[in-house]
Amino acid sequence: MASEKTLITPEPDLTEEAAWYREQLEKHLTNGLSALDNKDTSTLETIGHRIKGSAESFGFDGAGDIGKALETAAKTNDYHGMEKRLSALADYLKRIVIA
């Protein structure tokens, strides 16, 4: 459900890094939407791969799943799938609470 919050609880000394990573996800979303408009599957594949590889390190496991699905959709030129994953990332970012 979109209204439910997703709590991210990093180690106390990693709170700033988690906030930084959230900003990186927002940049990935912006760049991904632009790439989708331009039908740039290579960039979308790269974005998905980066999210998949880094999200868990910062405690954003849900984003990692989205990144993996985005990468797969980009590899198969599944534009509907890419759009769906970017929408899921936008929703995920709206629900994030870092505590």
PDB file of N, CA and C in Angstrom:
ATOM      1  N   MET A   1       0.851  -1.182   0.000  1.00  0.00           N
ATOM      2  CA  MET A   1       0.000   0.000   0.000  1.00  0.00           C
ATOM      3  C   MET A   1       0.893   1.241   0.000  1.00  0.00           C
ATOM      4  N   ALA A   2       0.611   2.181  -0.855  1.00  0.00           N
ATOM      5  CA  ALA A   2       1.462   3.348  -1.052  1.00  0.00           C
ATOM      6  C   ALA A   2       1.556   4.237   0.176  1.00  0.00           C
ATOM      7  N   SER A   3       0.567   4.231   1.057  1.00  0.00           N
ATOM      8  CA  SER A   3       0.591   5.128   2.201  1.00  0.00           C
ATOM      9  C   SER A   3       1.427   4.591   3.362  1.00  0.00           C
ATOM     10  N   GLU A   4       1.788   3.318   3.328  1.00  0.00           N
ATOM     11  CA  GLU A   4       2.602   2.745   4.386  1.00  0.00           C
ATOM     12  C   GLU A   4       4.032   3.247   4.262  1.00  0.00           C
ATOM     13  N   LYS A   5       4.633   3.548   5.406  1.00  0.00           N
ATOM     14  CA  LYS A   5       6.007   4.042   5.418  1.00  0.00           C
ATOM     15  C   LYS A   5       6.976   2.866   5.392  1.00  0.00           C
ATOM     16  N   THR A   6       8.138   3.075   4.808  1.00  0.00           N
ATOM     17  CA  THR A   6       9.213   2.100   4.802  1.00  0.00           C
ATOM     18  C   THR A   6      10.318   2.653   5.687  1.00  0.00           C
ATOM     19  N   LEU A   7      10.553   1.990   6.801  1.00  0.00           N
ATOM     20  CA  LEU A   7      11.535   2.452   7.771  1.00  0.00           C
ATOM     21  C   LEU A   7      12.912   1.904   7.427  1.00  0.00           C
ATOM     22  N   ILE A   8      13.859   2.806   7.293  1.00  0.00           N
ATOM     23  CA  ILE A   8      15.255   2.452   7.072  1.00  0.00           C
ATOM     24  C   ILE A   8      15.983   2.772   8.376  1.00  0.00           C
ATOM     25  N   THR A   9      16.626   1.778   8.976  1.00  0.00           N
ATOM     26  CA  THR A   9      17.308   1.990  10.253  1.00  0.00           C
ATOM     27  C   THR A   9      18.785   1.624  10.123  1.00  0.00           C
ATOM     28  N   PRO A  10      19.578   2.576   9.640  1.00  0.00           N
ATOM     29  CA  PRO A  10      21.011   2.304   9.494  1.00  0.00           C
ATOM     30  C   PRO A  10      21.693   2.308  10.860  1.00  0.00           C
ATOM     31  N   GLU A  11      22.903   1.776  10.885  1.00  0.00           N
ATOM     32  CA  GLU A  11      23.723   1.882  12.089  1.00  0.00           C
ATOM     33  C   GLU A  11      23.844   3.368  12.408  1.00  0.00           C
ATOM     34  N   PRO A  12      23.924   3.729  13.707  1.00  0.00           N
ATOM     35  CA  PRO A  12      23.964   5.154  14.074  1.00  0.00           C
ATOM     36  C   PRO A  12      25.035   5.972  13.344  1.00  0.00           C
ATOM     37  N   ASP A  13      26.178   5.385  13.081  1.00  0.00           N
ATOM     38  CA  ASP A  13      27.235   6.133  12.404  1.00  0.00           C
ATOM     39  C   ASP A  13      27.060   6.187  10.886  1.00  0.00           C
ATOM     40  N   LEU A  14      25.989   5.568  10.371  1.00  0.00           N
ATOM     41  CA  LEU A  14      25.741   5.560   8.922  1.00  0.00           C
ATOM     42  C   LEU A  14      24.472   6.319   8.523  1.00  0.00           C
ATOM     43  N   THR A  15      23.899   7.080   9.451  1.00  0.00           N
ATOM     44  CA  THR A  15      22.657   7.809   9.158  1.00  0.00           C
ATOM     45  C   THR A  15      22.861   8.820   8.035  1.00  0.00           C
ATOM     46  N   GLU A  16      23.968   9.552   8.058  1.00  0.00           N
ATOM     47  CA  GLU A  16      24.235  10.532   6.989  1.00  0.00           C
ATOM     48  C   GLU A  16      24.412   9.842   5.649  1.00  0.00           C
ATOM     49  N   GLU A  17      25.079   8.686   5.656  1.00  0.00           N
ATOM     50  CA  GLU A  17      25.281   7.947   4.414  1.00  0.00           C
ATOM     51  C   GLU A  17      23.955   7.447   3.850  1.00  0.00           C
ATOM     52  N   ALA A  18      23.049   7.037   4.739  1.00  0.00           N
ATOM     53  CA  ALA A  18      21.725   6.580   4.282  1.00  0.00           C
ATOM     54  C   ALA A  18      20.956   7.735   3.638  1.00  0.00           C
ATOM     55  N   ALA A  19      21.042   8.919   4.229  1.00  0.00           N
ATOM     56  CA  ALA A  19      20.379  10.097   3.655  1.00  0.00           C
ATOM     57  C   ALA A  19      21.000  10.431   2.295  1.00  0.00           C
ATOM     58  N   TRP A  20      22.321  10.329   2.199  1.00  0.00           N
ATOM     59  CA  TRP A  20      23.012  10.571   0.928  1.00  0.00           C
ATOM     60  C   TRP A  20      22.541   9.556  -0.114  1.00  0.00           C
ATOM     61  N   TYR A  21      22.429   8.293   0.284  1.00  0.00           N
ATOM     62  CA  TYR A  21      22.027   7.262  -0.664  1.00  0.00           C
ATOM     63  C   TYR A  21      20.598   7.490  -1.154  1.00  0.00           C
ATOM     64  N   ARG A  22      19.728   7.948  -0.271  1.00  0.00           N
ATOM     65  CA  ARG A  22      18.367   8.264  -0.686  1.00  0.00           C
ATOM     66  C   ARG A  22      18.393   9.327  -1.786  1.00  0.00           C
ATOM     67  N   GLU A  23      19.246  10.327  -1.631  1.00  0.00           N
ATOM     68  CA  GLU A  23      19.397  11.354  -2.669  1.00  0.00           C
ATOM     69  C   GLU A  23      19.899  10.746  -3.969  1.00  0.00           C
ATOM     70  N   GLN A  24      20.790   9.775  -3.864  1.00  0.00           N
ATOM     71  CA  GLN A  24      21.298   9.113  -5.064  1.00  0.00           C
ATOM     72  C   GLN A  24      20.170   8.359  -5.770  1.00  0.00           C
ATOM     73  N   LEU A  25      19.312   7.723  -5.002  1.00  0.00           N
ATOM     74  CA  LEU A  25      18.167   7.030  -5.598  1.00  0.00           C
ATOM     75  C   LEU A  25      17.247   8.007  -6.319  1.00  0.00           C
ATOM     76  N   GLU A  26      17.062   9.181  -5.740  1.00  0.00           N
ATOM     77  CA  GLU A  26      16.235  10.195  -6.396  1.00  0.00           C
ATOM     78  C   GLU A  26      16.869  10.626  -7.725  1.00  0.00           C
ATOM     79  N   LYS A  27      18.194  10.763  -7.745  1.00  0.00           N
ATOM     80  CA  LYS A  27      18.891  11.099  -9.003  1.00  0.00           C
ATOM     81  C   LYS A  27      18.744   9.969 -10.011  1.00  0.00           C
ATOM     82  N   HIS A  28      18.861   8.730  -9.537  1.00  0.00           N
ATOM     83  CA  HIS A  28      18.672   7.585 -10.437  1.00  0.00           C
ATOM     84  C   HIS A  28      17.265   7.605 -11.031  1.00  0.00           C
ATOM     85  N   LEU A  29      16.277   7.943 -10.219  1.00  0.00           N
ATOM     86  CA  LEU A  29      14.905   8.013 -10.707  1.00  0.00           C
ATOM     87  C   LEU A  29      14.770   9.082 -11.787  1.00  0.00           C
ATOM     88  N   THR A  30      15.284  10.274 -11.525  1.00  0.00           N
ATOM     89  CA  THR A  30      15.215  11.362 -12.502  1.00  0.00           C
ATOM     90  C   THR A  30      15.911  10.973 -13.802  1.00  0.00           C
ATOM     91  N   ASN A  31      17.113  10.413 -13.676  1.00  0.00           N
ATOM     92  CA  ASN A  31      17.859  10.001 -14.862  1.00  0.00           C
ATOM     93  C   ASN A  31      17.166   8.848 -15.582  1.00  0.00           C
ATOM     94  N   GLY A  32      16.555   7.958 -14.813  1.00  0.00           N
ATOM     95  CA  GLY A  32      15.843   6.830 -15.408  1.00  0.00           C
ATOM     96  C   GLY A  32      14.625   7.271 -16.190  1.00  0.00           C
ATOM     97  N   LEU A  33      13.881   8.221 -15.647  1.00  0.00           N
ATOM     98  CA  LEU A  33      12.704   8.728 -16.370  1.00  0.00           C
ATOM     99  C   LEU A  33      13.113   9.411 -17.666  1.00  0.00           C
ATOM    100  N   SER A  34      14.208  10.152 -17.621  1.00  0.00           N
ATOM    101  CA  SER A  34      14.721  10.795 -18.828  1.00  0.00           C
ATOM    102  C   SER A  34      15.161   9.744 -19.849  1.00  0.00           C
ATOM    103  N   ALA A  35      15.853   8.726 -19.372  1.00  0.00           N
ATOM    104  CA  ALA A  35      16.313   7.652 -20.263  1.00  0.00           C
ATOM    105  C   ALA A  35      15.122   6.915 -20.873  1.00  0.00           C
ATOM    106  N   LEU A  36      14.073   6.714 -20.088  1.00  0.00           N
ATOM    107  CA  LEU A  36      12.879   6.045 -20.616  1.00  0.00           C
ATOM    108  C   LEU A  36      12.247   6.882 -21.726  1.00  0.00           C
ATOM    109  N   ASP A  37      12.164   8.189 -21.507  1.00  0.00           N
ATOM    110  CA  ASP A  37      11.630   9.083 -22.540  1.00  0.00           C
ATOM    111  C   ASP A  37      12.435   8.997 -23.827  1.00  0.00           C
ATOM    112  N   ASN A  38      13.746   8.796 -23.683  1.00  0.00           N
ATOM    113  CA  ASN A  38      14.640   8.721 -24.840  1.00  0.00           C
ATOM    114  C   ASN A  38      14.849   7.301 -25.344  1.00  0.00           C
ATOM    115  N   LYS A  39      14.131   6.345 -24.733  1.00  0.00           N
ATOM    116  CA  LYS A  39      14.266   4.925 -25.096  1.00  0.00           C
ATOM    117  C   LYS A  39      15.723   4.454 -25.001  1.00  0.00           C
ATOM    118  N   ASP A  40      16.407   4.941 -23.971  1.00  0.00           N
ATOM    119  CA  ASP A  40      17.822   4.618 -23.734  1.00  0.00           C
ATOM    120  C   ASP A  40      17.920   3.438 -22.768  1.00  0.00           C
ATOM    121  N   THR A  41      17.770   2.241 -23.312  1.00  0.00           N
ATOM    122  CA  THR A  41      17.768   1.047 -22.472  1.00  0.00           C
ATOM    123  C   THR A  41      19.126   0.785 -21.833  1.00  0.00           C
ATOM    124  N   SER A  42      20.195   1.191 -22.482  1.00  0.00           N
ATOM    125  CA  SER A  42      21.528   0.992 -21.915  1.00  0.00           C
ATOM    126  C   SER A  42      21.677   1.743 -20.586  1.00  0.00           C
ATOM    127  N   THR A  43      21.237   2.996 -20.569  1.00  0.00           N
ATOM    128  CA  THR A  43      21.304   3.784 -19.336  1.00  0.00           C
ATOM    129  C   THR A  43      20.397   3.177 -18.267  1.00  0.00           C
ATOM    130  N   LEU A  44      19.209   2.736 -18.654  1.00  0.00           N
ATOM    131  CA  LEU A  44      18.293   2.121 -17.693  1.00  0.00           C
ATOM    132  C   LEU A  44      18.866   0.829 -17.126  1.00  0.00           C
ATOM    133  N   GLU A  45      19.528   0.066 -17.960  1.00  0.00           N
ATOM    134  CA  GLU A  45      20.174  -1.161 -17.488  1.00  0.00           C
ATOM    135  C   GLU A  45      21.259  -0.827 -16.473  1.00  0.00           C
ATOM    136  N   THR A  46      22.046   0.199 -16.766  1.00  0.00           N
ATOM    137  CA  THR A  46      23.112   0.624 -15.850  1.00  0.00           C
ATOM    138  C   THR A  46      22.532   1.118 -14.530  1.00  0.00           C
ATOM    139  N   ILE A  47      21.491   1.919 -14.601  1.00  0.00           N
ATOM    140  CA  ILE A  47      20.856   2.436 -13.377  1.00  0.00           C
ATOM    141  C   ILE A  47      20.337   1.262 -12.536  1.00  0.00           C
ATOM    142  N   GLY A  48      19.641   0.348 -13.154  1.00  0.00           N
ATOM    143  CA  GLY A  48      19.128  -0.815 -12.434  1.00  0.00           C
ATOM    144  C   GLY A  48      20.246  -1.616 -11.794  1.00  0.00           C
ATOM    145  N   HIS A  49      21.322  -1.814 -12.537  1.00  0.00           N
ATOM    146  CA  HIS A  49      22.462  -2.575 -12.034  1.00  0.00           C
ATOM    147  C   HIS A  49      23.101  -1.877 -10.828  1.00  0.00           C
ATOM    148  N   ARG A  50      23.255  -0.573 -10.908  1.00  0.00           N
ATOM    149  CA  ARG A  50      23.855   0.180  -9.800  1.00  0.00           C
ATOM    150  C   ARG A  50      22.990   0.118  -8.550  1.00  0.00           C
ATOM    151  N   ILE A  51      21.693   0.282  -8.728  1.00  0.00           N
ATOM    152  CA  ILE A  51      20.790   0.214  -7.576  1.00  0.00           C
ATOM    153  C   ILE A  51      20.831  -1.190  -6.974  1.00  0.00           C
ATOM    154  N   LYS A  52      20.744  -2.189  -7.829  1.00  0.00           N
ATOM    155  CA  LYS A  52      20.771  -3.579  -7.369  1.00  0.00           C
ATOM    156  C   LYS A  52      22.034  -3.857  -6.554  1.00  0.00           C
ATOM    157  N   GLY A  53      23.154  -3.326  -7.008  1.00  0.00           N
ATOM    158  CA  GLY A  53      24.424  -3.611  -6.363  1.00  0.00           C
ATOM    159  C   GLY A  53      24.713  -2.816  -5.107  1.00  0.00           C
ATOM    160  N   SER A  54      24.044  -1.693  -4.922  1.00  0.00           N
ATOM    161  CA  SER A  54      24.400  -0.816  -3.802  1.00  0.00           C
ATOM    162  C   SER A  54      23.331  -0.691  -2.726  1.00  0.00           C
ATOM    163  N   ALA A  55      22.093  -0.950  -3.048  1.00  0.00           N
ATOM    164  CA  ALA A  55      20.982  -0.665  -2.129  1.00  0.00           C
ATOM    165  C   ALA A  55      21.107  -1.385  -0.788  1.00  0.00           C
ATOM    166  N   GLU A  56      21.425  -2.647  -0.820  1.00  0.00           N
ATOM    167  CA  GLU A  56      21.495  -3.423   0.417  1.00  0.00           C
ATOM    168  C   GLU A  56      22.574  -2.897   1.358  1.00  0.00           C
ATOM    169  N   SER A  57      23.660  -2.401   0.812  1.00  0.00           N
ATOM    170  CA  SER A  57      24.746  -1.863   1.638  1.00  0.00           C
ATOM    171  C   SER A  57      24.288  -0.703   2.507  1.00  0.00           C
ATOM    172  N   PHE A  58      23.271   0.011   2.045  1.00  0.00           N
ATOM    173  CA  PHE A  58      22.767   1.173   2.773  1.00  0.00           C
ATOM    174  C   PHE A  58      21.448   0.874   3.493  1.00  0.00           C
ATOM    175  N   GLY A  59      20.984  -0.377   3.442  1.00  0.00           N
ATOM    176  CA  GLY A  59      19.755  -0.764   4.122  1.00  0.00           C
ATOM    177  C   GLY A  59      18.494  -0.554   3.313  1.00  0.00           C
ATOM    178  N   PHE A  60      18.626  -0.335   2.020  1.00  0.00           N
ATOM    179  CA  PHE A  60      17.482  -0.074   1.139  1.00  0.00           C
ATOM    180  C   PHE A  60      17.175  -1.328   0.316  1.00  0.00           C
ATOM    181  N   ASP A  61      16.875  -2.420   0.995  1.00  0.00           N
ATOM    182  CA  ASP A  61      16.679  -3.700   0.322  1.00  0.00           C
ATOM    183  C   ASP A  61      15.576  -3.653  -0.737  1.00  0.00           C
ATOM    184  N   GLY A  62      14.492  -2.952  -0.442  1.00  0.00           N
ATOM    185  CA  GLY A  62      13.401  -2.835  -1.409  1.00  0.00           C
ATOM    186  C   GLY A  62      13.845  -2.184  -2.709  1.00  0.00           C
ATOM    187  N   ALA A  63      14.714  -1.196  -2.607  1.00  0.00           N
ATOM    188  CA  ALA A  63      15.234  -0.538  -3.808  1.00  0.00           C
ATOM    189  C   ALA A  63      16.099  -1.501  -4.606  1.00  0.00           C
ATOM    190  N   GLY A  64      16.811  -2.373  -3.906  1.00  0.00           N
ATOM    191  CA  GLY A  64      17.639  -3.362  -4.602  1.00  0.00           C
ATOM    192  C   GLY A  64      16.801  -4.289  -5.464  1.00  0.00           C
ATOM    193  N   ASP A  65      15.651  -4.705  -4.937  1.00  0.00           N
ATOM    194  CA  ASP A  65      14.741  -5.556  -5.714  1.00  0.00           C
ATOM    195  C   ASP A  65      14.220  -4.821  -6.940  1.00  0.00           C
ATOM    196  N   ILE A  66      13.895  -3.547  -6.765  1.00  0.00           N
ATOM    197  CA  ILE A  66      13.411  -2.732  -7.884  1.00  0.00           C
ATOM    198  C   ILE A  66      14.521  -2.577  -8.926  1.00  0.00           C
ATOM    199  N   GLY A  67      15.737  -2.323  -8.460  1.00  0.00           N
ATOM    200  CA  GLY A  67      16.870  -2.177  -9.380  1.00  0.00           C
ATOM    201  C   GLY A  67      17.101  -3.429 -10.207  1.00  0.00           C
ATOM    202  N   LYS A  68      17.016  -4.578  -9.554  1.00  0.00           N
ATOM    203  CA  LYS A  68      17.205  -5.852 -10.261  1.00  0.00           C
ATOM    204  C   LYS A  68      16.144  -6.021 -11.347  1.00  0.00           C
ATOM    205  N   ALA A  69      14.893  -5.722 -10.999  1.00  0.00           N
ATOM    206  CA  ALA A  69      13.799  -5.846 -11.971  1.00  0.00           C
ATOM    207  C   ALA A  69      13.942  -4.832 -13.108  1.00  0.00           C
ATOM    208  N   LEU A  70      14.418  -3.630 -12.780  1.00  0.00           N
ATOM    209  CA  LEU A  70      14.645  -2.613 -13.807  1.00  0.00           C
ATOM    210  C   LEU A  70      15.732  -3.061 -14.768  1.00  0.00           C
ATOM    211  N   GLU A  71      16.814  -3.590 -14.235  1.00  0.00           N
ATOM    212  CA  GLU A  71      17.907  -4.075 -15.078  1.00  0.00           C
ATOM    213  C   GLU A  71      17.410  -5.174 -16.023  1.00  0.00           C
ATOM    214  N   THR A  72      16.645  -6.100 -15.502  1.00  0.00           N
ATOM    215  CA  THR A  72      16.109  -7.193 -16.320  1.00  0.00           C
ATOM    216  C   THR A  72      15.189  -6.665 -17.416  1.00  0.00           C
ATOM    217  N   ALA A  73      14.306  -5.736 -17.050  1.00  0.00           N
ATOM    218  CA  ALA A  73      13.391  -5.161 -18.043  1.00  0.00           C
ATOM    219  C   ALA A  73      14.163  -4.432 -19.139  1.00  0.00           C
ATOM    220  N   ALA A  74      15.213  -3.711 -18.760  1.00  0.00           N
ATOM    221  CA  ALA A  74      16.008  -2.979 -19.753  1.00  0.00           C
ATOM    222  C   ALA A  74      16.734  -3.936 -20.693  1.00  0.00           C
ATOM    223  N   LYS A  75      17.234  -5.031 -20.151  1.00  0.00           N
ATOM    224  CA  LYS A  75      17.944  -6.012 -20.987  1.00  0.00           C
ATOM    225  C   LYS A  75      17.045  -6.625 -22.042  1.00  0.00           C
ATOM    226  N   THR A  76      15.747  -6.704 -21.747  1.00  0.00           N
ATOM    227  CA  THR A  76      14.809  -7.331 -22.683  1.00  0.00           C
ATOM    228  C   THR A  76      13.957  -6.313 -23.445  1.00  0.00           C
ATOM    229  N   ASN A  77      14.329  -5.025 -23.328  1.00  0.00           N
ATOM    230  CA  ASN A  77      13.590  -3.952 -24.008  1.00  0.00           C
ATOM    231  C   ASN A  77      12.107  -3.940 -23.640  1.00  0.00           C
ATOM    232  N   ASP A  78      11.816  -4.256 -22.392  1.00  0.00           N
ATOM    233  CA  ASP A  78      10.442  -4.270 -21.884  1.00  0.00           C
ATOM    234  C   ASP A  78      10.115  -2.872 -21.345  1.00  0.00           C
ATOM    235  N   TYR A  79       9.626  -2.010 -22.228  1.00  0.00           N
ATOM    236  CA  TYR A  79       9.376  -0.618 -21.849  1.00  0.00           C
ATOM    237  C   TYR A  79       8.290  -0.498 -20.779  1.00  0.00           C
ATOM    238  N   HIS A  80       7.267  -1.316 -20.872  1.00  0.00           N
ATOM    239  CA  HIS A  80       6.225  -1.301 -19.836  1.00  0.00           C
ATOM    240  C   HIS A  80       6.832  -1.710 -18.491  1.00  0.00           C
ATOM    241  N   GLY A  81       7.681  -2.716 -18.501  1.00  0.00           N
ATOM    242  CA  GLY A  81       8.342  -3.163 -17.278  1.00  0.00           C
ATOM    243  C   GLY A  81       9.253  -2.093 -16.698  1.00  0.00           C
ATOM    244  N   MET A  82       9.979  -1.400 -17.560  1.00  0.00           N
ATOM    245  CA  MET A  82      10.861  -0.329 -17.090  1.00  0.00           C
ATOM    246  C   MET A  82      10.046   0.794 -16.464  1.00  0.00           C
ATOM    247  N   GLU A  83       8.959   1.169 -17.134  1.00  0.00           N
ATOM    248  CA  GLU A  83       8.092   2.220 -16.610  1.00  0.00           C
ATOM    249  C   GLU A  83       7.512   1.806 -15.255  1.00  0.00           C
ATOM    250  N   LYS A  84       7.096   0.565 -15.158  1.00  0.00           N
ATOM    251  CA  LYS A  84       6.522   0.038 -13.921  1.00  0.00           C
ATOM    252  C   LYS A  84       7.549   0.078 -12.791  1.00  0.00           C
ATOM    253  N   ARG A  85       8.791  -0.294 -13.076  1.00  0.00           N
ATOM    254  CA  ARG A  85       9.843  -0.304 -12.040  1.00  0.00           C
ATOM    255  C   ARG A  85      10.216   1.105 -11.610  1.00  0.00           C
ATOM    256  N   LEU A  86      10.246   2.044 -12.544  1.00  0.00           N
ATOM    257  CA  LEU A  86      10.533   3.434 -12.167  1.00  0.00           C
ATOM    258  C   LEU A  86       9.405   4.004 -11.320  1.00  0.00           C
ATOM    259  N   SER A  87       8.183   3.636 -11.645  1.00  0.00           N
ATOM    260  CA  SER A  87       7.046   4.056 -10.829  1.00  0.00           C
ATOM    261  C   SER A  87       7.144   3.449  -9.429  1.00  0.00           C
ATOM    262  N   ALA A  88       7.564   2.197  -9.348  1.00  0.00           N
ATOM    263  CA  ALA A  88       7.744   1.542  -8.048  1.00  0.00           C
ATOM    264  C   ALA A  88       8.840   2.233  -7.241  1.00  0.00           C
ATOM    265  N   LEU A  89       9.907   2.661  -7.917  1.00  0.00           N
ATOM    266  CA  LEU A  89      10.986   3.371  -7.232  1.00  0.00           C
ATOM    267  C   LEU A  89      10.488   4.716  -6.708  1.00  0.00           C
ATOM    268  N   ALA A  90       9.707   5.416  -7.495  1.00  0.00           N
ATOM    269  CA  ALA A  90       9.148   6.707  -7.048  1.00  0.00           C
ATOM    270  C   ALA A  90       8.272   6.504  -5.821  1.00  0.00           C
ATOM    271  N   ASP A  91       7.441   5.483  -5.846  1.00  0.00           N
ATOM    272  CA  ASP A  91       6.584   5.178  -4.705  1.00  0.00           C
ATOM    273  C   ASP A  91       7.420   4.814  -3.481  1.00  0.00           C
ATOM    274  N   TYR A  92       8.420   3.996  -3.684  1.00  0.00           N
ATOM    275  CA  TYR A  92       9.311   3.578  -2.595  1.00  0.00           C
ATOM    276  C   TYR A  92       9.962   4.801  -1.951  1.00  0.00           C
ATOM    277  N   LEU A  93      10.446   5.723  -2.768  1.00  0.00           N
ATOM    278  CA  LEU A  93      11.116   6.923  -2.249  1.00  0.00           C
ATOM    279  C   LEU A  93      10.152   7.802  -1.452  1.00  0.00           C
ATOM    280  N   LYS A  94       8.897   7.851  -1.841  1.00  0.00           N
ATOM    281  CA  LYS A  94       7.901   8.639  -1.113  1.00  0.00           C
ATOM    282  C   LYS A  94       7.645   8.066   0.276  1.00  0.00           C
ATOM    283  N   ARG A  95       7.832   6.750   0.412  1.00  0.00           N
ATOM    284  CA  ARG A  95       7.521   6.081   1.674  1.00  0.00           C
ATOM    285  C   ARG A  95       8.708   5.995   2.645  1.00  0.00           C
ATOM    286  N   ILE A  96       9.901   6.306   2.190  1.00  0.00           N
ATOM    287  CA  ILE A  96      11.112   6.142   3.006  1.00  0.00           C
ATOM    288  C   ILE A  96      11.098   7.057   4.227  1.00  0.00           C
ATOM    289  N   VAL A  97      11.419   6.469   5.357  1.00  0.00           N
ATOM    290  CA  VAL A  97      11.665   7.212   6.588  1.00  0.00           C
ATOM    291  C   VAL A  97      12.970   6.668   7.156  1.00  0.00           C
ATOM    292  N   ILE A  98      13.954   7.525   7.301  1.00  0.00           N
ATOM    293  CA  ILE A  98      15.245   7.120   7.874  1.00  0.00           C
ATOM    294  C   ILE A  98      15.237   7.461   9.351  1.00  0.00           C
ATOM    295  N   ALA A  99      15.379   6.446  10.173  1.00  0.00           N
ATOM    296  CA  ALA A  99      15.324   6.667  11.622  1.00  0.00           C
ATOM    297  C   ALA A  99      16.550   6.063  12.309  1.00  0.00           C
TER     298      ALA A  99
END
